[in-house]
């Protein structure tokens, strides 16, 4: 049976997660923030798949399926919120959403 190297795919998952985290912290557009969260979720899913393949268990694939469901629901709710904010403020800037208080 082939052994899966653990370092390279986990390093890729860490890099993808760091890229997504940087996008969340740096970007001010809600669409880019939503895409960065998707990148972070996919990085976590990749780490689960690598670990499951390494130890020959199906748990990682099950967790990745849950992550896909979570990502789909996050996109649905996030896009609905983005459309509502766009309708009210006519901008997608995250700093302008501060006006929605109270």
N, C-alpha and C. Protein backbone atom coordinates (compact mmCIF):
# COMPACT_ATOMS: atom_id res chain seq x y z
N UNK A 1 0.83 -1.18 0.00
CA UNK A 1 0.00 0.00 0.00
C UNK A 1 0.88 1.25 0.00
N UNK A 2 0.45 2.25 -0.74
CA UNK A 2 1.22 3.48 -0.83
C UNK A 2 1.04 4.32 0.43
N UNK A 3 2.12 4.92 0.86
CA UNK A 3 2.01 5.84 1.99
C UNK A 3 1.96 7.26 1.45
N UNK A 4 1.12 8.03 2.02
CA UNK A 4 0.96 9.42 1.59
C UNK A 4 1.90 10.29 2.40
N UNK A 5 2.75 11.09 1.74
CA UNK A 5 3.59 12.00 2.51
C UNK A 5 2.71 13.04 3.19
N UNK A 6 3.05 13.33 4.41
CA UNK A 6 2.20 14.21 5.21
C UNK A 6 2.60 15.67 5.11
N UNK A 7 3.85 15.94 4.83
CA UNK A 7 4.35 17.32 4.90
C UNK A 7 3.83 18.21 3.78
N UNK A 8 3.94 17.78 2.52
CA UNK A 8 3.60 18.65 1.41
C UNK A 8 2.11 19.02 1.37
N UNK A 9 1.18 18.07 1.48
CA UNK A 9 -0.23 18.48 1.46
C UNK A 9 -0.64 19.32 2.67
N UNK A 10 -0.08 19.02 3.83
CA UNK A 10 -0.39 19.84 5.00
C UNK A 10 0.20 21.24 4.88
N UNK A 11 1.37 21.33 4.27
CA UNK A 11 1.95 22.65 4.02
C UNK A 11 1.08 23.44 3.05
N UNK A 12 0.55 22.77 2.03
CA UNK A 12 -0.37 23.42 1.11
C UNK A 12 -1.64 23.89 1.83
N UNK A 13 -2.15 23.06 2.74
CA UNK A 13 -3.34 23.44 3.51
C UNK A 13 -3.05 24.65 4.39
N UNK A 14 -1.88 24.69 5.01
CA UNK A 14 -1.51 25.83 5.85
C UNK A 14 -1.37 27.10 5.00
N UNK A 15 -0.75 26.97 3.83
CA UNK A 15 -0.61 28.13 2.95
C UNK A 15 -1.96 28.64 2.46
N UNK A 16 -2.85 27.73 2.10
CA UNK A 16 -4.19 28.14 1.68
C UNK A 16 -4.95 28.81 2.82
N UNK A 17 -4.83 28.25 4.01
CA UNK A 17 -5.51 28.86 5.16
C UNK A 17 -4.95 30.25 5.45
N UNK A 18 -3.63 30.39 5.37
CA UNK A 18 -3.01 31.71 5.60
C UNK A 18 -3.44 32.70 4.52
N UNK A 19 -3.55 32.24 3.28
CA UNK A 19 -4.02 33.11 2.20
C UNK A 19 -5.45 33.57 2.46
N UNK A 20 -6.31 32.65 2.89
CA UNK A 20 -7.69 33.01 3.20
C UNK A 20 -7.78 33.95 4.38
N UNK A 21 -6.99 33.70 5.41
CA UNK A 21 -7.00 34.57 6.59
C UNK A 21 -6.51 35.97 6.24
N UNK A 22 -5.49 36.04 5.39
CA UNK A 22 -5.00 37.34 4.93
C UNK A 22 -6.08 38.07 4.15
N UNK A 23 -6.81 37.34 3.32
CA UNK A 23 -7.89 37.96 2.56
C UNK A 23 -9.00 38.48 3.44
N UNK A 24 -9.31 37.77 4.51
CA UNK A 24 -10.35 38.23 5.43
C UNK A 24 -9.90 39.47 6.16
N UNK A 25 -8.65 39.50 6.57
CA UNK A 25 -8.17 40.63 7.36
C UNK A 25 -7.86 41.87 6.53
N UNK A 26 -7.46 41.69 5.27
CA UNK A 26 -7.01 42.81 4.47
C UNK A 26 -8.12 43.40 3.61
N UNK A 27 -8.94 42.58 3.00
CA UNK A 27 -9.95 43.05 2.07
C UNK A 27 -11.09 43.75 2.79
N UNK A 28 -11.71 44.69 2.13
CA UNK A 28 -12.85 45.42 2.69
C UNK A 28 -14.14 45.11 1.93
N UNK A 29 -14.07 44.42 0.81
CA UNK A 29 -15.24 44.10 0.03
C UNK A 29 -15.86 42.80 0.56
N UNK A 30 -17.17 42.79 0.76
CA UNK A 30 -17.83 41.62 1.32
C UNK A 30 -17.69 40.38 0.44
N UNK A 31 -17.68 40.55 -0.86
CA UNK A 31 -17.57 39.40 -1.76
C UNK A 31 -16.19 38.75 -1.61
N UNK A 32 -15.15 39.57 -1.53
CA UNK A 32 -13.80 39.03 -1.35
C UNK A 32 -13.64 38.38 0.02
N UNK A 33 -14.28 38.95 1.03
CA UNK A 33 -14.23 38.34 2.36
C UNK A 33 -14.91 36.98 2.33
N UNK A 34 -16.04 36.87 1.64
CA UNK A 34 -16.74 35.60 1.52
C UNK A 34 -15.90 34.57 0.77
N UNK A 35 -15.21 35.01 -0.28
CA UNK A 35 -14.34 34.09 -1.02
C UNK A 35 -13.16 33.64 -0.16
N UNK A 36 -12.64 34.53 0.66
CA UNK A 36 -11.53 34.17 1.54
C UNK A 36 -11.95 33.14 2.58
N UNK A 37 -13.16 33.27 3.08
CA UNK A 37 -13.68 32.27 4.02
C UNK A 37 -13.82 30.92 3.34
N UNK A 38 -14.23 30.92 2.07
CA UNK A 38 -14.32 29.67 1.31
C UNK A 38 -12.94 29.02 1.16
N UNK A 39 -11.92 29.82 0.91
CA UNK A 39 -10.56 29.29 0.80
C UNK A 39 -10.13 28.66 2.12
N UNK A 40 -10.46 29.31 3.22
CA UNK A 40 -10.10 28.77 4.54
C UNK A 40 -10.83 27.45 4.80
N UNK A 41 -12.09 27.36 4.44
CA UNK A 41 -12.83 26.10 4.63
C UNK A 41 -12.26 24.99 3.76
N UNK A 42 -11.88 25.32 2.53
CA UNK A 42 -11.28 24.30 1.66
C UNK A 42 -9.92 23.85 2.19
N UNK A 43 -9.16 24.74 2.79
CA UNK A 43 -7.88 24.36 3.39
C UNK A 43 -8.09 23.39 4.55
N UNK A 44 -9.10 23.66 5.37
CA UNK A 44 -9.41 22.73 6.46
C UNK A 44 -9.85 21.38 5.92
N UNK A 45 -10.64 21.39 4.87
CA UNK A 45 -11.07 20.14 4.23
C UNK A 45 -9.90 19.36 3.67
N UNK A 46 -8.95 20.06 3.07
CA UNK A 46 -7.75 19.39 2.54
C UNK A 46 -6.96 18.74 3.67
N UNK A 47 -6.85 19.40 4.79
CA UNK A 47 -6.13 18.82 5.94
C UNK A 47 -6.84 17.56 6.43
N UNK A 48 -8.17 17.58 6.47
CA UNK A 48 -8.91 16.38 6.88
C UNK A 48 -8.70 15.24 5.89
N UNK A 49 -8.72 15.53 4.60
CA UNK A 49 -8.53 14.49 3.58
C UNK A 49 -7.13 13.89 3.67
N UNK A 50 -6.13 14.72 3.86
CA UNK A 50 -4.75 14.23 3.97
C UNK A 50 -4.60 13.33 5.19
N UNK A 51 -5.15 13.75 6.31
CA UNK A 51 -5.04 12.94 7.51
C UNK A 51 -5.79 11.62 7.37
N UNK A 52 -6.94 11.66 6.75
CA UNK A 52 -7.72 10.43 6.56
C UNK A 52 -7.02 9.47 5.62
N UNK A 53 -6.41 10.01 4.57
CA UNK A 53 -5.70 9.15 3.63
C UNK A 53 -4.45 8.56 4.28
N UNK A 54 -3.80 9.34 5.09
CA UNK A 54 -2.57 8.87 5.74
C UNK A 54 -2.84 7.70 6.68
N UNK A 55 -3.94 7.78 7.44
CA UNK A 55 -4.23 6.72 8.41
C UNK A 55 -5.26 5.71 7.91
N UNK A 56 -5.69 5.84 6.68
CA UNK A 56 -6.58 4.85 6.09
C UNK A 56 -7.98 4.82 6.70
N UNK A 57 -8.45 5.92 7.19
CA UNK A 57 -9.78 6.01 7.79
C UNK A 57 -10.70 6.83 6.88
N UNK A 58 -11.99 6.61 7.00
CA UNK A 58 -12.96 7.36 6.21
C UNK A 58 -13.46 8.61 6.93
N UNK A 59 -12.96 8.87 8.12
CA UNK A 59 -13.45 10.00 8.91
C UNK A 59 -13.17 11.34 8.22
N UNK A 60 -12.05 11.46 7.55
CA UNK A 60 -11.70 12.71 6.88
C UNK A 60 -12.64 13.02 5.73
N UNK A 61 -13.04 11.98 4.99
CA UNK A 61 -13.98 12.19 3.90
C UNK A 61 -15.34 12.62 4.42
N UNK A 62 -15.75 12.06 5.55
CA UNK A 62 -17.02 12.44 6.16
C UNK A 62 -16.95 13.89 6.63
N UNK A 63 -15.86 14.27 7.26
CA UNK A 63 -15.71 15.65 7.72
C UNK A 63 -15.65 16.62 6.53
N UNK A 64 -15.04 16.19 5.43
CA UNK A 64 -15.00 17.05 4.25
C UNK A 64 -16.39 17.24 3.68
N UNK A 65 -17.22 16.21 3.73
CA UNK A 65 -18.60 16.35 3.28
C UNK A 65 -19.35 17.36 4.15
N UNK A 66 -19.12 17.32 5.46
CA UNK A 66 -19.72 18.30 6.36
C UNK A 66 -19.21 19.71 6.06
N UNK A 67 -17.93 19.82 5.74
CA UNK A 67 -17.36 21.13 5.40
C UNK A 67 -17.99 21.66 4.12
N UNK A 68 -18.23 20.79 3.14
CA UNK A 68 -18.88 21.24 1.91
C UNK A 68 -20.30 21.73 2.17
N UNK A 69 -21.03 21.04 3.04
CA UNK A 69 -22.38 21.47 3.39
C UNK A 69 -22.32 22.81 4.13
N UNK A 70 -21.37 22.95 5.03
CA UNK A 70 -21.20 24.20 5.76
C UNK A 70 -20.85 25.34 4.81
N UNK A 71 -19.99 25.08 3.85
CA UNK A 71 -19.59 26.11 2.90
C UNK A 71 -20.77 26.53 2.02
N UNK A 72 -21.58 25.57 1.61
CA UNK A 72 -22.74 25.90 0.78
C UNK A 72 -23.75 26.75 1.56
N UNK A 73 -23.98 26.39 2.79
CA UNK A 73 -24.93 27.18 3.60
C UNK A 73 -24.36 28.56 3.92
N UNK A 74 -23.05 28.62 4.13
CA UNK A 74 -22.41 29.90 4.40
C UNK A 74 -22.52 30.83 3.20
N UNK A 75 -22.38 30.28 2.02
CA UNK A 75 -22.50 31.09 0.80
C UNK A 75 -23.94 31.57 0.63
N UNK A 76 -24.90 30.71 0.88
CA UNK A 76 -26.30 31.10 0.72
C UNK A 76 -26.67 32.23 1.68
N UNK A 77 -26.33 32.07 2.94
CA UNK A 77 -26.66 33.10 3.93
C UNK A 77 -25.81 34.35 3.68
N UNK A 78 -24.54 34.18 3.37
CA UNK A 78 -23.67 35.33 3.12
C UNK A 78 -24.10 36.15 1.93
N UNK A 79 -24.47 35.49 0.84
CA UNK A 79 -24.92 36.23 -0.33
C UNK A 79 -26.24 36.94 -0.07
N UNK A 80 -27.12 36.33 0.71
CA UNK A 80 -28.37 37.01 1.07
C UNK A 80 -28.09 38.27 1.90
N UNK A 81 -27.17 38.16 2.84
CA UNK A 81 -26.80 39.34 3.62
C UNK A 81 -26.12 40.41 2.76
N UNK A 82 -25.27 39.97 1.85
CA UNK A 82 -24.59 40.92 0.97
C UNK A 82 -25.61 41.65 0.10
N UNK A 83 -26.58 40.95 -0.44
CA UNK A 83 -27.60 41.60 -1.25
C UNK A 83 -28.42 42.59 -0.43
N UNK A 84 -28.71 42.24 0.81
CA UNK A 84 -29.48 43.14 1.68
C UNK A 84 -28.66 44.40 2.03
N UNK A 85 -27.38 44.22 2.31
CA UNK A 85 -26.52 45.36 2.61
C UNK A 85 -26.36 46.24 1.38
N UNK A 86 -26.21 45.62 0.23
CA UNK A 86 -26.07 46.38 -1.03
C UNK A 86 -27.33 47.19 -1.32
N UNK A 87 -28.49 46.60 -1.02
CA UNK A 87 -29.75 47.30 -1.24
C UNK A 87 -29.89 48.50 -0.31
N UNK A 88 -29.45 48.35 0.92
CA UNK A 88 -29.62 49.42 1.89
C UNK A 88 -28.54 50.50 1.78
N UNK A 89 -27.29 50.12 1.53
CA UNK A 89 -26.19 51.09 1.54
C UNK A 89 -25.65 51.46 0.16
N UNK A 90 -26.00 50.73 -0.86
CA UNK A 90 -25.49 50.88 -2.24
C UNK A 90 -23.98 50.76 -2.33
N UNK A 91 -23.37 50.01 -1.42
CA UNK A 91 -21.93 49.72 -1.47
C UNK A 91 -21.69 48.37 -0.81
N UNK A 92 -20.58 47.77 -1.15
CA UNK A 92 -20.20 46.50 -0.54
C UNK A 92 -18.98 46.64 0.36
N UNK A 93 -18.67 47.84 0.74
CA UNK A 93 -17.53 48.10 1.62
C UNK A 93 -17.88 47.69 3.05
N UNK A 94 -17.01 46.91 3.67
CA UNK A 94 -17.27 46.42 5.02
C UNK A 94 -17.25 47.55 6.04
N UNK A 95 -16.48 48.59 5.80
CA UNK A 95 -16.45 49.72 6.73
C UNK A 95 -17.76 50.49 6.71
N UNK A 96 -18.45 50.51 5.58
CA UNK A 96 -19.73 51.23 5.49
C UNK A 96 -20.84 50.50 6.23
N UNK A 97 -20.66 49.21 6.46
CA UNK A 97 -21.68 48.44 7.18
C UNK A 97 -21.75 48.86 8.64
N UNK A 98 -20.80 49.62 9.09
CA UNK A 98 -20.83 50.14 10.46
C UNK A 98 -22.01 51.10 10.65
N UNK A 99 -22.53 51.63 9.57
CA UNK A 99 -23.67 52.55 9.64
C UNK A 99 -24.98 51.84 9.97
N UNK A 100 -24.97 50.50 9.93
CA UNK A 100 -26.19 49.74 10.17
C UNK A 100 -26.48 49.52 11.64
N UNK A 101 -25.71 50.10 12.53
CA UNK A 101 -25.93 49.91 13.96
C UNK A 101 -27.27 50.52 14.38
N UNK A 102 -27.87 49.87 15.38
CA UNK A 102 -29.06 50.39 16.03
C UNK A 102 -30.19 50.49 15.12
